[in-house]
Protein backbone atom coordinates (compact mmCIF):
# COMPACT_ATOMS: atom_id res chain seq x y z
CA UNK A 1 -17.09 -8.00 -17.67
CA UNK A 2 -15.78 -8.63 -14.16
CA UNK A 3 -12.50 -10.52 -13.71
CA UNK A 4 -11.58 -11.10 -10.04
CA UNK A 5 -12.23 -13.33 -7.07
CA UNK A 6 -16.03 -13.06 -6.74
CA UNK A 7 -15.78 -12.87 -2.95
CA UNK A 8 -14.76 -9.21 -3.31
CA UNK A 9 -17.59 -8.14 -5.61
CA UNK A 10 -20.33 -7.32 -3.04
CA UNK A 11 -18.06 -5.05 -1.01
CA UNK A 12 -16.53 -3.36 -4.05
CA UNK A 13 -19.87 -2.78 -5.73
CA UNK A 14 -22.83 -2.69 -3.32
CA UNK A 15 -26.25 -2.25 -5.00
CA UNK A 16 -26.09 1.54 -5.67
CA UNK A 17 -22.67 1.21 -7.32
CA UNK A 18 -23.70 -1.89 -9.26
CA UNK A 19 -26.65 0.09 -10.58
CA UNK A 20 -24.30 2.84 -11.75
CA UNK A 21 -22.16 0.27 -13.56
CA UNK A 22 -25.09 -1.38 -15.34
CA UNK A 23 -26.41 2.03 -16.37
CA UNK A 24 -23.05 3.01 -17.79
CA UNK A 25 -22.36 -0.20 -19.75
CA UNK A 26 -23.73 -3.55 -20.84
CA UNK A 27 -22.61 -5.72 -17.96
CA UNK A 28 -23.71 -9.04 -16.50
CA UNK A 29 -23.37 -8.70 -12.69
CA UNK A 30 -23.67 -12.47 -12.31
CA UNK A 31 -20.61 -13.23 -14.45
CA UNK A 32 -17.41 -12.85 -12.45
CA UNK A 33 -14.48 -14.59 -14.11
CA UNK A 34 -11.49 -15.90 -12.20
CA UNK A 35 -10.31 -18.33 -14.88
CA UNK A 36 -10.11 -17.00 -18.43
CA UNK A 37 -9.92 -20.55 -19.80
CA UNK A 38 -13.40 -21.31 -18.46
CA UNK A 39 -15.61 -22.00 -21.53
CA UNK A 40 -18.45 -20.14 -19.80
CA UNK A 41 -16.44 -16.96 -20.04
CA UNK A 42 -15.31 -17.29 -23.65
CA UNK A 43 -18.21 -15.51 -25.32
CA UNK A 44 -18.27 -12.60 -22.87
CA UNK A 45 -14.49 -12.21 -23.12
CA UNK A 46 -14.66 -12.15 -26.90
CA UNK A 47 -17.21 -9.31 -26.76
CA UNK A 48 -15.74 -7.36 -23.85
CA UNK A 49 -14.46 -3.84 -24.46
CA UNK A 50 -13.80 -3.15 -20.78
CA UNK A 51 -12.50 -5.48 -18.07
CA UNK A 52 -13.20 -4.57 -14.45
CA UNK A 53 -10.45 -6.41 -12.60
CA UNK A 54 -9.57 -6.87 -8.95
CA UNK A 55 -7.78 -9.12 -6.49
CA UNK A 56 -7.75 -12.67 -7.84
CA UNK A 57 -7.72 -11.71 -11.51
CA UNK A 58 -5.22 -13.81 -13.50
CA UNK A 59 -2.47 -12.08 -15.44
CA UNK A 60 -3.62 -10.57 -18.71
CA UNK A 61 -1.15 -12.44 -20.88
CA UNK A 62 -1.01 -12.91 -24.65
CA UNK A 63 -3.49 -15.80 -24.61
CA UNK A 64 -6.07 -13.78 -22.68
CA UNK A 65 -5.66 -10.78 -24.95
CA UNK A 66 -5.99 -12.96 -28.05
CA UNK A 67 -9.32 -14.18 -26.68
CA UNK A 68 -10.42 -10.56 -26.12
CA UNK A 69 -9.98 -8.87 -29.51
CA UNK A 70 -12.30 -5.96 -28.67
CA UNK A 71 -10.74 -5.13 -25.32
CA UNK A 72 -9.63 -1.51 -25.05
CA UNK A 73 -9.71 -0.63 -21.34
CA UNK A 74 -8.86 -2.29 -18.03
CA UNK A 75 -10.32 -0.71 -14.88
CA UNK A 76 -8.56 -2.19 -11.86
CA UNK A 77 -10.58 -2.04 -8.63
CA UNK A 78 -7.47 -2.42 -6.49
CA UNK A 79 -3.98 -0.96 -6.17
CA UNK A 80 -0.92 -2.06 -8.12
CA UNK A 81 -1.34 -3.42 -11.65
CA UNK A 82 2.25 -4.65 -11.83
CA UNK A 83 1.36 -8.35 -11.53
CA UNK A 84 -1.65 -7.99 -13.82
CA UNK A 85 -0.36 -6.40 -17.02
CA UNK A 86 2.52 -7.25 -19.33
CA UNK A 87 4.20 -6.05 -22.51
CA UNK A 88 1.44 -7.54 -24.69
CA UNK A 89 -1.17 -5.27 -23.18
CA UNK A 90 0.84 -2.10 -23.72
CA UNK A 91 1.65 -3.17 -27.30
CA UNK A 92 -2.07 -3.46 -27.97
CA UNK A 93 -2.56 0.10 -26.78
CA UNK A 94 -5.05 -0.90 -24.10
CA UNK A 95 -5.77 1.81 -21.52
CA UNK A 96 -5.30 0.88 -17.86
CA UNK A 97 -6.78 2.65 -14.84
CA UNK A 98 -6.22 1.77 -11.20
CA UNK A 99 -7.96 2.62 -7.94
CA UNK A 100 -4.58 2.89 -6.23
CA UNK A 101 -5.36 6.44 -5.10
CA UNK A 102 -8.35 5.17 -3.13
CA UNK A 103 -6.30 2.36 -1.64
CA UNK A 104 -3.61 4.81 -0.49
CA UNK A 105 -5.91 6.53 1.99
CA UNK A 106 -6.45 3.68 4.50
CA UNK A 107 -2.74 2.83 4.38
CA UNK A 108 -1.86 6.42 5.26
CA UNK A 109 -4.50 6.45 8.01
CA UNK A 110 -3.16 3.21 9.47
CA UNK A 111 0.37 4.61 9.40
CA UNK A 112 -0.64 7.85 11.10
CA UNK A 113 -2.37 5.87 13.84
CA UNK A 114 0.72 3.74 14.36
CA UNK A 115 3.01 6.78 14.46
CA UNK A 116 0.87 8.38 17.16
CA UNK A 117 0.65 5.18 19.18
CA UNK A 118 4.37 4.50 18.81
CA UNK A 119 5.22 8.03 19.93
CA UNK A 120 3.28 7.40 23.13
CA UNK A 121 5.17 4.10 23.53
CA UNK A 122 1.74 2.48 23.64
CA UNK A 123 2.81 -1.06 22.88
CA UNK A 124 5.53 -1.13 25.54
CA UNK A 125 3.19 0.32 28.16
CA UNK A 126 0.51 -2.21 27.23
CA UNK A 127 2.90 -5.10 27.75
CA UNK A 128 4.11 -3.68 31.07
CA UNK A 129 0.57 -2.98 32.29
CA UNK A 130 -0.54 -6.47 31.30
CA UNK A 131 2.33 -7.97 33.31
CA UNK A 132 2.45 -5.69 36.37
CA UNK A 133 -1.02 -4.07 36.60
CA UNK A 134 0.75 -0.86 37.68
CA UNK A 135 0.97 2.59 36.14
CA UNK A 136 4.34 3.77 34.80
CA UNK A 137 6.42 6.16 36.84
CA UNK A 138 7.42 9.61 35.55
CA UNK A 139 10.90 8.23 34.90
CA UNK A 140 9.44 5.50 32.71
CA UNK A 141 7.51 8.02 30.59
CA UNK A 142 10.21 10.68 30.41
CA UNK A 143 10.96 9.96 26.75
CA UNK A 144 7.35 9.37 25.74
CA UNK A 145 5.29 11.78 23.63
CA UNK A 146 4.75 13.18 20.16
CA UNK A 147 5.92 16.77 20.58
CA UNK A 148 8.87 17.32 18.27
CA UNK A 149 9.11 13.63 17.40
CA UNK A 150 11.17 13.22 14.21
CA UNK A 151 9.30 11.16 11.62
CA UNK A 152 11.23 10.03 8.56
CA UNK A 153 9.11 9.18 5.52
CA UNK A 154 10.82 7.12 2.83
CA UNK A 155 9.01 7.59 -0.47
CA UNK A 156 6.65 10.36 -1.62
CA UNK A 157 4.35 7.79 -3.17
CA UNK A 158 0.58 8.26 -3.13
CA UNK A 159 0.57 6.79 0.37
CA UNK A 160 3.62 8.81 1.39
CA UNK A 161 2.09 12.07 0.16
CA UNK A 162 -1.22 11.38 1.86
CA UNK A 163 0.64 10.59 5.09
CA UNK A 164 2.55 13.85 4.83
CA UNK A 165 -0.79 15.67 4.59
CA UNK A 166 -2.14 13.83 7.63
CA UNK A 167 0.99 14.63 9.67
CA UNK A 168 0.68 18.41 9.20
CA UNK A 169 -1.63 19.20 12.15
CA UNK A 170 0.70 17.49 14.62
CA UNK A 171 3.86 18.73 16.33
CA UNK A 172 6.19 16.46 14.41
CA UNK A 173 9.43 17.25 12.66
CA UNK A 174 8.99 15.52 9.30
CA UNK A 175 11.88 14.32 7.13
CA UNK A 176 11.55 12.92 3.60
CA UNK A 177 13.71 10.85 1.31
CA UNK A 178 12.65 10.46 -2.30
CA UNK A 179 15.13 10.79 -5.19
CA UNK A 180 12.40 12.11 -7.49
CA UNK A 181 11.33 14.98 -5.21
CA UNK A 182 13.05 18.38 -5.34
CA UNK A 183 13.87 20.48 -2.31
CA UNK A 184 11.09 22.91 -3.20
CA UNK A 185 8.53 20.15 -3.65
CA UNK A 186 9.52 18.56 -0.34
CA UNK A 187 9.04 21.89 1.38
CA UNK A 188 5.59 22.20 -0.22
CA UNK A 189 4.80 18.76 1.18
CA UNK A 190 5.79 19.96 4.65
CA UNK A 191 8.99 17.94 4.95
CA UNK A 192 12.73 18.43 5.05
CA UNK A 193 14.43 16.46 2.25
CA UNK A 194 17.40 14.33 3.24
CA UNK A 195 19.56 11.59 1.73
CA UNK A 196 18.44 8.18 2.93
CA UNK A 197 21.31 7.57 5.33
CA UNK A 198 20.87 10.98 6.95
CA UNK A 199 17.13 10.43 7.33
CA UNK A 200 17.78 7.14 9.11
CA UNK A 201 20.30 8.75 11.47
CA UNK A 202 18.02 11.62 12.43
CA UNK A 203 14.59 9.94 12.69
CA UNK A 204 12.88 8.62 15.79
CA UNK A 205 10.30 6.84 13.64
CA UNK A 206 10.99 5.64 10.09
CA UNK A 207 8.04 4.84 7.84
CA UNK A 208 8.48 3.03 4.52
CA UNK A 209 6.37 4.06 1.52
CA UNK A 210 8.67 3.31 -1.42
CA UNK A 211 7.61 1.03 -4.29
CA UNK A 212 8.80 -2.55 -4.61
CA UNK A 213 11.11 -2.23 -7.61
CA UNK A 214 14.63 -3.58 -8.26
CA UNK A 215 16.21 -0.33 -7.04
CA UNK A 216 14.50 -0.61 -3.65
CA UNK A 217 15.08 -4.32 -3.02
CA UNK A 218 16.36 -4.60 0.57
CA UNK A 219 17.17 -0.91 0.59
CA UNK A 220 17.23 -1.17 4.38
CA UNK A 221 20.03 -3.68 4.81
CA UNK A 222 22.06 -4.39 7.93
CA UNK A 223 24.21 -1.30 7.47
CA UNK A 224 21.29 1.05 7.06
CA UNK A 225 19.24 -0.47 9.87
CA UNK A 226 22.25 0.13 12.09
CA UNK A 227 21.99 3.86 11.35
CA UNK A 228 18.62 4.12 13.12
CA UNK A 229 19.12 5.32 16.68
CA UNK A 230 18.79 2.93 19.63
CA UNK A 231 15.12 2.58 20.48
CA UNK A 232 14.07 3.80 17.04
CA UNK A 233 10.90 2.51 15.41
CA UNK A 234 10.51 1.13 11.90
CA UNK A 235 7.04 1.07 10.33
CA UNK A 236 6.56 -0.92 7.13
CA UNK A 237 3.24 -0.78 5.30
CA UNK A 238 4.88 -1.00 1.87
CA UNK A 239 6.45 -4.35 1.00
CA UNK A 240 8.59 -6.75 3.01
CA UNK A 241 11.19 -6.95 0.21
CA UNK A 242 12.37 -3.41 0.99
CA UNK A 243 14.00 -4.64 4.23
CA UNK A 244 16.61 -7.34 4.72
CA UNK A 245 14.59 -9.81 6.83
CA UNK A 246 17.57 -11.42 8.55
CA UNK A 247 19.13 -8.09 9.47
CA UNK A 248 15.80 -6.80 10.76
CA UNK A 249 15.24 -9.93 12.83
CA UNK A 250 18.70 -9.55 14.38
CA UNK A 251 17.98 -5.93 15.34
CA UNK A 252 14.60 -6.81 16.82
CA UNK A 253 15.76 -9.89 18.72
CA UNK A 254 18.52 -7.78 20.25
CA UNK A 255 15.89 -5.29 21.39
CA UNK A 256 17.76 -2.36 19.89
CA UNK A 257 14.94 -1.39 17.54
CA UNK A 258 11.16 -1.57 17.60
CA UNK A 259 9.02 -2.36 14.57
CA UNK A 260 5.43 -2.09 13.40
CA UNK A 261 5.08 -4.45 10.46
CA UNK A 262 1.99 -4.88 8.32
CA UNK A 263 4.10 -6.54 5.62
CA UNK A 264 7.02 -8.94 5.91
CA UNK A 265 9.32 -11.14 3.86
CA UNK A 266 8.15 -13.86 3.52
CA UNK A 267 4.48 -13.14 3.94
CA UNK A 268 3.19 -14.49 6.21
CA UNK A 269 6.17 -15.24 8.39
CA UNK A 270 6.74 -18.91 9.29
CA UNK A 271 5.09 -20.01 12.53
CA UNK A 272 8.46 -20.28 14.26
CA UNK A 273 9.50 -16.68 13.60
CA UNK A 274 10.53 -14.88 16.80
CA UNK A 275 8.81 -11.72 15.53
CA UNK A 276 5.45 -13.13 16.62
CA UNK A 277 6.60 -13.23 20.24
CA UNK A 278 8.82 -10.18 20.66
CA UNK A 279 7.37 -7.41 22.85
CA UNK A 280 9.05 -4.76 20.68
CA UNK A 281 7.32 -5.95 17.50
CA UNK A 282 3.72 -5.18 16.54
CA UNK A 283 2.65 -7.45 13.66
CA UNK A 284 -0.56 -7.12 11.66
CA UNK A 285 -1.67 -9.39 8.78
CA UNK A 286 -1.48 -6.99 5.81
CA UNK A 287 -4.55 -5.01 6.90
CA UNK A 288 -3.40 -1.44 6.23
CA UNK A 289 -4.89 -1.39 2.73
CA UNK A 290 -8.58 -1.33 1.89
CA UNK A 291 -10.69 -3.80 3.87
CA UNK A 292 -14.40 -4.21 4.55
CA UNK A 293 -16.39 -1.07 3.85
CA UNK A 294 -13.26 0.66 2.55
CA UNK A 295 -13.55 -1.44 -0.62
CA UNK A 296 -16.56 0.61 -1.69
CA UNK A 297 -14.23 3.57 -2.18
CA UNK A 298 -12.32 1.55 -4.80
CA UNK A 299 -15.55 0.52 -6.49
CA UNK A 300 -16.67 4.15 -6.62
CA UNK A 301 -13.49 5.09 -8.47
CA UNK A 302 -14.13 2.35 -11.03
CA UNK A 303 -17.75 3.45 -11.50
CA UNK A 304 -16.60 7.03 -12.10
CA UNK A 305 -14.01 5.85 -14.62
CA UNK A 306 -16.59 3.76 -16.50
CA UNK A 307 -18.94 6.75 -16.66
CA UNK A 308 -16.11 8.87 -18.05
CA UNK A 309 -15.49 6.29 -20.76
CA UNK A 310 -19.16 6.35 -21.66
CA UNK A 311 -18.95 10.13 -22.00
CA UNK A 312 -15.98 9.86 -24.34
CA UNK A 313 -13.47 11.05 -21.74
CA UNK A 314 -10.15 9.54 -20.73
CA UNK A 315 -9.77 7.89 -17.30
CA UNK A 316 -8.74 10.13 -14.43
CA UNK A 317 -6.50 7.48 -12.86
CA UNK A 318 -4.72 6.15 -15.94
CA UNK A 319 -1.59 4.06 -15.42
CA UNK A 320 1.06 4.34 -18.12
CA UNK A 321 3.74 1.82 -18.89
CA UNK A 322 6.44 4.34 -18.04
CA UNK A 323 4.95 4.71 -14.56
CA UNK A 324 5.78 1.11 -13.66
CA UNK A 325 9.51 1.86 -13.45
CA UNK A 326 8.99 3.81 -10.22
CA UNK A 327 5.58 2.96 -8.74
CA UNK A 328 4.27 -0.07 -6.90
């Protein structure tokens, strides 16, 4: 059965994918549950062996699991399952799969686009052109360009690794910080491994791709933001909690740093936040992840996983409880 906000269903599972699902399992496409206490869902939940979940699905707590005695697999048609699953689910031995790999691709693509635009100082030139209607002088573009630009990637997550792949054809110098990645593995990924503080000191552009876990909470505090060179650019497509919001606001209001922020803390920012108005800040409303026709990619992963289950195989994109200690 489906358990998510029904608004997402048509984009996740357009007709060809819905046909694949109904051929692989007994499934009612018209039943999309967003409230497990709804009496209309009780019978289907009691019989369900597989839940196809997505954005808007309530947490699978003890009460939900008690009402689903036959449940053995959760296929999540989105990214992180951290807010969805709890200890009760793992105790039951229920298998969990996530489409996080599919969701990583548009985030990496968005980040690559922003790195290229930032290296050309696109946002500054746009503001100047809008105000003056004149072309920049050679002096004003002397430090513009992407040849040899030093890009620091924090976190070799799925997004981080995909970004590293996308950066390879360009003339960047790529740095990486990830405590779980060896020197040899970093080299294989096309990056130079550095401690976090050194990466911040030596990067022109810093891009965050670490998970939101206790160890990364506000990992970029005032002291570490101060390590980024004057005029440096911070890109955050991960989570706002990784950056101290007050310290970041101070740096941006002063004009010392630039930022491209698809996520913030809080999210969204209050209407009075100066970040909406600063010319050195490019804000987007959490759009880096899968949107529109990109959702079909997530649905395709779920359909493939369901077909594997029907063939007696294990899911390709299984999430294990031990993974949650260091992934989003």
